Amino acid sequence: MIRLRGVTRCFHLGEQQVMGLDAVDLEVGAGEYLSVMGPSGSGKSTLLNVLGLLDAPDTGEYWLNGEPTAGLDEVRRAGLRSRHIGFVFQSYHLIARLTALENIELPMLLAGIEPGERRRRSAELVERLSLGDRVAHRPAELSGGQRQRVAIARAMVMRPALLLADEPTGNLDSHSGAEVVELLEELNGEGLTLLVVTHDVALGARAPRTLRMLDGRIVADSAQAGAR
């Protein structure tokens, strides 16, 4: 599903050049579950941004579902994101003025999906994620765990094949965090490809495969016996 070859991404801080990604090679098959670990500044979030087509590499090649992404303009990149990729972030990124239901439906609205289909898809996710009594509430009226479940519903409503989660439990208490992890792993069990960036050693150890990053490079790519 994912193939990177020689991908680099440089940033300039004043006169200093920082290698966000340094000649990264990576292959991820459909339905895999990976954790991405490493210290701050190691390139984890940069890797997720490139995989999510939020950022373009300076050099190298990235194929998503067999389709080359190099040289695509932002309109075509946005189209690929909408069809194939969902995102879950530590800070939720919900729109404060919208209700939970409106946040969930927003990607479908932007994609031009007709109202009846929007209602059907959102209703399925609301029921599955036990959000039925919270759909009319705005983010400020929800707990952290509820906000993250709304964010997951929003990420899944376009039925992506790939879910990228950046510290998805970072702002949650242990109980809410465990519920979110169980939900993500349940979705992976249904065939969703899942990549989770985390500093949490226990969360990282749950994934069958772990990438460890340092200075913009993947320094270890290992399978973990007894994961989950």
C-alpha atoms as a PDB file:
ATOM      1  CA  MET A   1       0.000   0.000   0.000  1.00  0.00           C
ATOM      2  CA  ILE A   2       2.848   2.396   0.881  1.00  0.00           C
ATOM      3  CA  ARG A   3       6.245   2.502  -0.790  1.00  0.00           C
ATOM      4  CA  LEU A   4       8.901   5.130  -0.154  1.00  0.00           C
ATOM      5  CA  ARG A   5      12.237   5.195  -1.943  1.00  0.00           C
ATOM      6  CA  GLY A   6      15.013   7.605  -0.965  1.00  0.00           C
ATOM      7  CA  VAL A   7      12.635  10.175   0.512  1.00  0.00           C
ATOM      8  CA  THR A   8      14.244  13.283   1.996  1.00  0.00           C
ATOM      9  CA  ARG A   9      12.702  16.386   3.529  1.00  0.00           C
ATOM     10  CA  CYS A  10      14.819  19.352   4.613  1.00  0.00           C
ATOM     11  CA  PHE A  11      13.874  22.351   6.696  1.00  0.00           C
ATOM     12  CA  HIS A  12      15.782  25.606   7.098  1.00  0.00           C
ATOM     13  CA  LEU A  13      15.976  27.262  10.496  1.00  0.00           C
ATOM     14  CA  GLY A  14      17.775  30.485   9.782  1.00  0.00           C
ATOM     15  CA  GLU A  15      21.005  29.448   8.149  1.00  0.00           C
ATOM     16  CA  GLN A  16      20.843  25.941   9.574  1.00  0.00           C
ATOM     17  CA  GLN A  17      19.557  23.014   7.491  1.00  0.00           C
ATOM     18  CA  VAL A  18      17.689  20.301   9.390  1.00  0.00           C
ATOM     19  CA  MET A  19      17.008  16.911   7.843  1.00  0.00           C
ATOM     20  CA  GLY A  20      13.444  16.003   8.723  1.00  0.00           C
ATOM     21  CA  LEU A  21      13.744  12.821   6.652  1.00  0.00           C
ATOM     22  CA  ASP A  22      17.042  11.471   5.382  1.00  0.00           C
ATOM     23  CA  ALA A  23      16.863   9.010   2.452  1.00  0.00           C
ATOM     24  CA  VAL A  24      13.992   6.997   3.938  1.00  0.00           C
ATOM     25  CA  ASP A  25      12.940   3.698   2.374  1.00  0.00           C
ATOM     26  CA  LEU A  26       9.736   2.066   3.608  1.00  0.00           C
ATOM     27  CA  GLU A  27       7.161  -0.481   2.501  1.00  0.00           C
ATOM     28  CA  VAL A  28       3.868  -1.060   4.290  1.00  0.00           C
ATOM     29  CA  GLY A  29       1.349  -3.651   3.169  1.00  0.00           C
ATOM     30  CA  ALA A  30      -2.410  -3.219   3.232  1.00  0.00           C
ATOM     31  CA  GLY A  31      -3.865  -3.998   6.658  1.00  0.00           C
ATOM     32  CA  GLU A  32      -0.615  -3.669   8.609  1.00  0.00           C
ATOM     33  CA  TYR A  33      -0.420  -2.044  12.048  1.00  0.00           C
ATOM     34  CA  LEU A  34       2.770  -0.129  12.809  1.00  0.00           C
ATOM     35  CA  SER A  35       3.951   2.089  15.625  1.00  0.00           C
ATOM     36  CA  VAL A  36       6.485   4.815  14.888  1.00  0.00           C
ATOM     37  CA  MET A  37       8.735   5.730  17.814  1.00  0.00           C
ATOM     38  CA  GLY A  38      11.743   7.880  18.545  1.00  0.00           C
ATOM     39  CA  PRO A  39      12.783  11.020  20.460  1.00  0.00           C
ATOM     40  CA  SER A  40      11.415  14.465  19.694  1.00  0.00           C
ATOM     41  CA  GLY A  41      12.876  15.773  16.459  1.00  0.00           C
ATOM     42  CA  SER A  42      13.605  12.295  15.096  1.00  0.00           C
ATOM     43  CA  GLY A  43      11.313  12.725  12.077  1.00  0.00           C
ATOM     44  CA  LYS A  44       8.179  10.863  13.206  1.00  0.00           C
ATOM     45  CA  SER A  45       5.678  13.613  12.478  1.00  0.00           C
ATOM     46  CA  THR A  46       7.493  14.601   9.290  1.00  0.00           C
ATOM     47  CA  LEU A  47       7.131  11.021   8.088  1.00  0.00           C
ATOM     48  CA  LEU A  48       3.402  11.064   8.868  1.00  0.00           C
ATOM     49  CA  ASN A  49       2.970  14.383   7.057  1.00  0.00           C
ATOM     50  CA  VAL A  50       4.644  12.963   3.954  1.00  0.00           C
ATOM     51  CA  LEU A  51       2.635   9.736   4.116  1.00  0.00           C
ATOM     52  CA  GLY A  52      -0.541  11.779   4.570  1.00  0.00           C
ATOM     53  CA  LEU A  53       0.278  13.982   1.556  1.00  0.00           C
ATOM     54  CA  LEU A  54       0.264  17.042   3.798  1.00  0.00           C
ATOM     55  CA  ASP A  55       3.878  17.665   2.849  1.00  0.00           C
ATOM     56  CA  ALA A  56       5.881  16.768  -0.244  1.00  0.00           C
ATOM     57  CA  PRO A  57       9.390  15.280  -0.095  1.00  0.00           C
ATOM     58  CA  ASP A  58      12.283  17.258  -1.540  1.00  0.00           C
ATOM     59  CA  THR A  59      13.661  14.148  -3.217  1.00  0.00           C
ATOM     60  CA  GLY A  60      12.644  10.520  -3.570  1.00  0.00           C
ATOM     61  CA  GLU A  61       9.457   8.745  -4.551  1.00  0.00           C
ATOM     62  CA  TYR A  62       6.235   7.855  -2.752  1.00  0.00           C
ATOM     63  CA  TRP A  63       3.648   5.445  -4.128  1.00  0.00           C
ATOM     64  CA  LEU A  64       0.244   5.168  -2.444  1.00  0.00           C
ATOM     65  CA  ASN A  65      -1.904   2.218  -3.511  1.00  0.00           C
ATOM     66  CA  GLY A  66       0.367   1.823  -6.515  1.00  0.00           C
ATOM     67  CA  GLU A  67      -0.078   5.440  -7.610  1.00  0.00           C
ATOM     68  CA  PRO A  68       3.005   7.703  -7.776  1.00  0.00           C
ATOM     69  CA  THR A  69       2.521  10.947  -5.862  1.00  0.00           C
ATOM     70  CA  ALA A  70       5.620  12.882  -6.958  1.00  0.00           C
ATOM     71  CA  GLY A  71       4.789  16.005  -8.906  1.00  0.00           C
ATOM     72  CA  LEU A  72       1.081  16.057  -8.083  1.00  0.00           C
ATOM     73  CA  ASP A  73      -0.407  19.504  -7.576  1.00  0.00           C
ATOM     74  CA  GLU A  74      -2.269  20.270  -4.360  1.00  0.00           C
ATOM     75  CA  VAL A  75      -5.702  19.640  -5.884  1.00  0.00           C
ATOM     76  CA  ARG A  76      -4.760  16.093  -6.872  1.00  0.00           C
ATOM     77  CA  ARG A  77      -2.976  15.522  -3.559  1.00  0.00           C
ATOM     78  CA  ALA A  78      -6.113  16.643  -1.724  1.00  0.00           C
ATOM     79  CA  GLY A  79      -8.168  14.238  -3.819  1.00  0.00           C
ATOM     80  CA  LEU A  80      -5.907  11.331  -2.875  1.00  0.00           C
ATOM     81  CA  ARG A  81      -6.060  12.317   0.804  1.00  0.00           C
ATOM     82  CA  SER A  82      -9.839  12.463   0.719  1.00  0.00           C
ATOM     83  CA  ARG A  83     -10.187   9.035  -0.909  1.00  0.00           C
ATOM     84  CA  HIS A  84      -7.495   7.056   0.880  1.00  0.00           C
ATOM     85  CA  ILE A  85      -6.296   8.651   4.144  1.00  0.00           C
ATOM     86  CA  GLY A  86      -7.758   9.479   7.548  1.00  0.00           C
ATOM     87  CA  PHE A  87      -6.005  11.447  10.298  1.00  0.00           C
ATOM     88  CA  VAL A  88      -6.267  11.413  14.083  1.00  0.00           C
ATOM     89  CA  PHE A  89      -4.266  13.981  16.062  1.00  0.00           C
ATOM     90  CA  GLN A  90      -3.376  14.464  19.713  1.00  0.00           C
ATOM     91  CA  SER A  91      -5.176  17.827  19.820  1.00  0.00           C
ATOM     92  CA  TYR A  92      -8.299  16.533  18.012  1.00  0.00           C
ATOM     93  CA  HIS A  93      -8.483  19.472  15.528  1.00  0.00           C
ATOM     94  CA  LEU A  94     -12.257  19.699  15.836  1.00  0.00           C
ATOM     95  CA  ILE A  95     -13.985  22.916  14.757  1.00  0.00           C
ATOM     96  CA  ALA A  96     -15.222  24.612  17.921  1.00  0.00           C
ATOM     97  CA  ARG A  97     -18.354  26.211  16.455  1.00  0.00           C
ATOM     98  CA  LEU A  98     -19.639  22.938  14.968  1.00  0.00           C
ATOM     99  CA  THR A  99     -21.483  20.204  16.828  1.00  0.00           C
ATOM    100  CA  ALA A 100     -20.022  16.724  17.098  1.00  0.00           C
ATOM    101  CA  LEU A 101     -22.268  15.555  14.262  1.00  0.00           C
ATOM    102  CA  GLU A 102     -21.328  18.510  12.062  1.00  0.00           C
ATOM    103  CA  ASN A 103     -17.639  17.801  12.674  1.00  0.00           C
ATOM    104  CA  ILE A 104     -18.147  14.167  11.651  1.00  0.00           C
ATOM    105  CA  GLU A 105     -20.034  15.127   8.502  1.00  0.00           C
ATOM    106  CA  LEU A 106     -17.645  17.901   7.419  1.00  0.00           C
ATOM    107  CA  PRO A 107     -15.371  15.753   5.169  1.00  0.00           C
ATOM    108  CA  MET A 108     -18.423  14.423   3.334  1.00  0.00           C
ATOM    109  CA  LEU A 109     -19.808  17.927   2.902  1.00  0.00           C
ATOM    110  CA  LEU A 110     -16.508  19.096   1.424  1.00  0.00           C
ATOM    111  CA  ALA A 111     -16.449  16.055  -0.871  1.00  0.00           C
ATOM    112  CA  GLY A 112     -19.937  16.851  -2.193  1.00  0.00           C
ATOM    113  CA  ILE A 113     -21.616  13.716  -0.855  1.00  0.00           C
ATOM    114  CA  GLU A 114     -25.381  14.096  -0.927  1.00  0.00           C
ATOM    115  CA  PRO A 115     -27.257  14.673   2.362  1.00  0.00           C
ATOM    116  CA  GLY A 116     -28.956  11.274   2.576  1.00  0.00           C
ATOM    117  CA  GLU A 117     -25.651   9.423   2.288  1.00  0.00           C
ATOM    118  CA  ARG A 118     -24.042  11.810   4.785  1.00  0.00           C
ATOM    119  CA  ARG A 119     -26.764  11.048   7.313  1.00  0.00           C
ATOM    120  CA  ARG A 120     -26.484   7.293   6.767  1.00  0.00           C
ATOM    121  CA  ARG A 121     -22.709   7.159   7.162  1.00  0.00           C
ATOM    122  CA  SER A 122     -22.595   9.465  10.158  1.00  0.00           C
ATOM    123  CA  ALA A 123     -25.408   7.549  11.892  1.00  0.00           C
ATOM    124  CA  GLU A 124     -23.478   4.294  11.534  1.00  0.00           C
ATOM    125  CA  LEU A 125     -20.366   5.797  13.130  1.00  0.00           C
ATOM    126  CA  VAL A 126     -22.265   7.624  15.856  1.00  0.00           C
ATOM    127  CA  GLU A 127     -23.849   4.332  16.929  1.00  0.00           C
ATOM    128  CA  ARG A 128     -20.621   2.376  16.699  1.00  0.00           C
ATOM    129  CA  LEU A 129     -18.646   4.915  18.733  1.00  0.00           C
ATOM    130  CA  SER A 130     -21.408   5.379  21.353  1.00  0.00           C
ATOM    131  CA  LEU A 131     -21.800   9.087  20.614  1.00  0.00           C
ATOM    132  CA  GLY A 132     -25.578   9.126  20.233  1.00  0.00           C
ATOM    133  CA  ASP A 133     -26.276  11.366  23.217  1.00  0.00           C
ATOM    134  CA  ARG A 134     -23.432  13.778  22.374  1.00  0.00           C
ATOM    135  CA  VAL A 135     -23.970  14.568  18.683  1.00  0.00           C
ATOM    136  CA  ALA A 136     -25.596  17.963  19.358  1.00  0.00           C
ATOM    137  CA  HIS A 137     -22.790  19.051  21.690  1.00  0.00           C
ATOM    138  CA  ARG A 138     -19.886  21.238  20.635  1.00  0.00           C
ATOM    139  CA  PRO A 139     -16.287  20.154  21.360  1.00  0.00           C
ATOM    140  CA  ALA A 140     -16.024  22.328  24.489  1.00  0.00           C
ATOM    141  CA  GLU A 141     -18.930  20.344  25.967  1.00  0.00           C
ATOM    142  CA  LEU A 142     -17.267  16.961  25.418  1.00  0.00           C
ATOM    143  CA  SER A 143     -14.686  15.047  27.450  1.00  0.00           C
ATOM    144  CA  GLY A 144     -11.278  14.332  25.956  1.00  0.00           C
ATOM    145  CA  GLY A 145     -12.223  10.758  25.163  1.00  0.00           C
ATOM    146  CA  GLN A 146     -15.444  11.873  23.491  1.00  0.00           C
ATOM    147  CA  ARG A 147     -13.575  14.457  21.415  1.00  0.00           C
ATOM    148  CA  GLN A 148     -11.137  11.826  20.224  1.00  0.00           C
ATOM    149  CA  ARG A 149     -13.973   9.471  19.307  1.00  0.00           C
ATOM    150  CA  VAL A 150     -15.547  12.286  17.282  1.00  0.00           C
ATOM    151  CA  ALA A 151     -12.166  12.828  15.606  1.00  0.00           C
ATOM    152  CA  ILE A 152     -11.924   9.111  14.783  1.00  0.00           C
ATOM    153  CA  ALA A 153     -15.455   9.146  13.361  1.00  0.00           C
ATOM    154  CA  ARG A 154     -14.542  12.151  11.219  1.00  0.00           C
ATOM    155  CA  ALA A 155     -11.400  10.346  10.036  1.00  0.00           C
ATOM    156  CA  MET A 156     -13.343   7.212   9.125  1.00  0.00           C
ATOM    157  CA  VAL A 157     -16.430   8.726   7.518  1.00  0.00           C
ATOM    158  CA  MET A 158     -14.798   8.831   4.057  1.00  0.00           C
ATOM    159  CA  ARG A 159     -13.893   5.144   4.465  1.00  0.00           C
ATOM    160  CA  PRO A 160     -10.126   5.473   4.038  1.00  0.00           C
ATOM    161  CA  ALA A 161      -7.803   2.517   3.642  1.00  0.00           C
ATOM    162  CA  LEU A 162      -5.053   4.181   5.691  1.00  0.00           C
ATOM    163  CA  LEU A 163      -5.327   5.822   9.116  1.00  0.00           C
ATOM    164  CA  LEU A 164      -2.462   7.959  10.442  1.00  0.00           C
ATOM    165  CA  ALA A 165      -2.612   8.659  14.180  1.00  0.00           C
ATOM    166  CA  ASP A 166      -0.213  11.163  15.760  1.00  0.00           C
ATOM    167  CA  GLU A 167      -0.074  10.681  19.563  1.00  0.00           C
ATOM    168  CA  PRO A 168      -3.786   9.737  19.627  1.00  0.00           C
ATOM    169  CA  THR A 169      -3.827   9.146  23.396  1.00  0.00           C
ATOM    170  CA  GLY A 170      -1.469  11.973  24.373  1.00  0.00           C
ATOM    171  CA  ASN A 171      -4.167  14.195  25.917  1.00  0.00           C
ATOM    172  CA  LEU A 172      -6.264  11.421  27.440  1.00  0.00           C
ATOM    173  CA  ASP A 173      -6.475   9.775  30.842  1.00  0.00           C
ATOM    174  CA  SER A 174      -5.559   6.110  30.986  1.00  0.00           C
ATOM    175  CA  HIS A 175      -9.152   4.833  30.749  1.00  0.00           C
ATOM    176  CA  SER A 176     -10.089   7.020  27.776  1.00  0.00           C
ATOM    177  CA  GLY A 177      -6.752   6.256  26.135  1.00  0.00           C
ATOM    178  CA  ALA A 178      -7.343   2.525  26.430  1.00  0.00           C
ATOM    179  CA  GLU A 179     -10.784   2.886  24.834  1.00  0.00           C
ATOM    180  CA  VAL A 180      -9.311   4.837  21.898  1.00  0.00           C
ATOM    181  CA  VAL A 181      -6.545   2.268  21.383  1.00  0.00           C
ATOM    182  CA  GLU A 182      -9.059  -0.589  21.427  1.00  0.00           C
ATOM    183  CA  LEU A 183     -11.165   1.214  18.823  1.00  0.00           C
ATOM    184  CA  LEU A 184      -8.186   1.855  16.531  1.00  0.00           C
ATOM    185  CA  GLU A 185      -7.098  -1.761  16.821  1.00  0.00           C
ATOM    186  CA  GLU A 186     -10.638  -2.967  16.115  1.00  0.00           C
ATOM    187  CA  LEU A 187     -10.620  -0.916  12.891  1.00  0.00           C
ATOM    188  CA  ASN A 188      -7.237  -2.390  11.981  1.00  0.00           C
ATOM    189  CA  GLY A 189      -8.662  -5.856  12.567  1.00  0.00           C
ATOM    190  CA  GLU A 190     -11.264  -5.074   9.905  1.00  0.00           C
ATOM    191  CA  GLY A 191      -8.550  -4.374   7.339  1.00  0.00           C
ATOM    192  CA  LEU A 192      -7.610  -0.740   7.914  1.00  0.00           C
ATOM    193  CA  THR A 193      -3.898   0.031   7.602  1.00  0.00           C
ATOM    194  CA  LEU A 194      -2.854   1.781  10.828  1.00  0.00           C
ATOM    195  CA  LEU A 195       0.265   3.826  11.627  1.00  0.00           C
ATOM    196  CA  VAL A 196       0.524   5.272  15.133  1.00  0.00           C
ATOM    197  CA  VAL A 197       3.180   7.803  16.140  1.00  0.00           C
ATOM    198  CA  THR A 198       3.721   7.650  19.895  1.00  0.00           C
ATOM    199  CA  HIS A 199       6.154   8.310  22.734  1.00  0.00           C
ATOM    200  CA  ASP A 200       4.230   5.817  24.872  1.00  0.00           C
ATOM    201  CA  VAL A 201       6.312   2.653  25.106  1.00  0.00           C
ATOM    202  CA  ALA A 202       3.334   0.514  26.155  1.00  0.00           C
ATOM    203  CA  LEU A 203       1.238   1.744  23.220  1.00  0.00           C
ATOM    204  CA  GLY A 204       4.118   1.301  20.791  1.00  0.00           C
ATOM    205  CA  ALA A 205       4.645  -2.272  21.962  1.00  0.00           C
ATOM    206  CA  ARG A 206       1.072  -3.206  21.033  1.00  0.00           C
ATOM    207  CA  ALA A 207       1.751  -2.924  17.305  1.00  0.00           C
ATOM    208  CA  PRO A 208       3.022  -6.036  15.501  1.00  0.00           C
ATOM    209  CA  ARG A 209       5.645  -3.892  13.753  1.00  0.00           C
ATOM    210  CA  THR A 210       7.632  -0.929  15.086  1.00  0.00           C
ATOM    211  CA  LEU A 211       9.698   1.667  13.274  1.00  0.00           C
ATOM    212  CA  ARG A 212      12.285   3.496  15.349  1.00  0.00           C
ATOM    213  CA  MET A 213      13.511   6.829  14.054  1.00  0.00           C
ATOM    214  CA  LEU A 214      16.543   8.971  14.812  1.00  0.00           C
ATOM    215  CA  ASP A 215      17.794  12.079  13.009  1.00  0.00           C
ATOM    216  CA  GLY A 216      15.353  11.638  10.164  1.00  0.00           C
ATOM    217  CA  ARG A 217      16.214   7.993   9.508  1.00  0.00           C
ATOM    218  CA  ILE A 218      14.505   4.692  10.223  1.00  0.00           C
ATOM    219  CA  VAL A 219      17.159   3.025  12.342  1.00  0.00           C
ATOM    220  CA  ALA A 220      15.148  -0.078  13.233  1.00  0.00           C
ATOM    221  CA  ASP A 221      12.178  -1.856  11.655  1.00  0.00           C
ATOM    222  CA  SER A 222      11.186  -4.789  13.806  1.00  0.00           C
ATOM    223  CA  ALA A 223       8.386  -7.267  14.323  1.00  0.00           C
ATOM    224  CA  GLN A 224       7.254  -7.685  17.904  1.00  0.00           C
ATOM    225  CA  ALA A 225       6.375 -11.091  19.239  1.00  0.00           C
ATOM    226  CA  GLY A 226       3.204 -11.140  21.309  1.00  0.00           C
ATOM    227  CA  ALA A 227       2.068  -7.660  20.239  1.00  0.00           C
ATOM    228  CA  ARG A 228      -1.446  -6.695  21.440  1.00  0.00           C
END
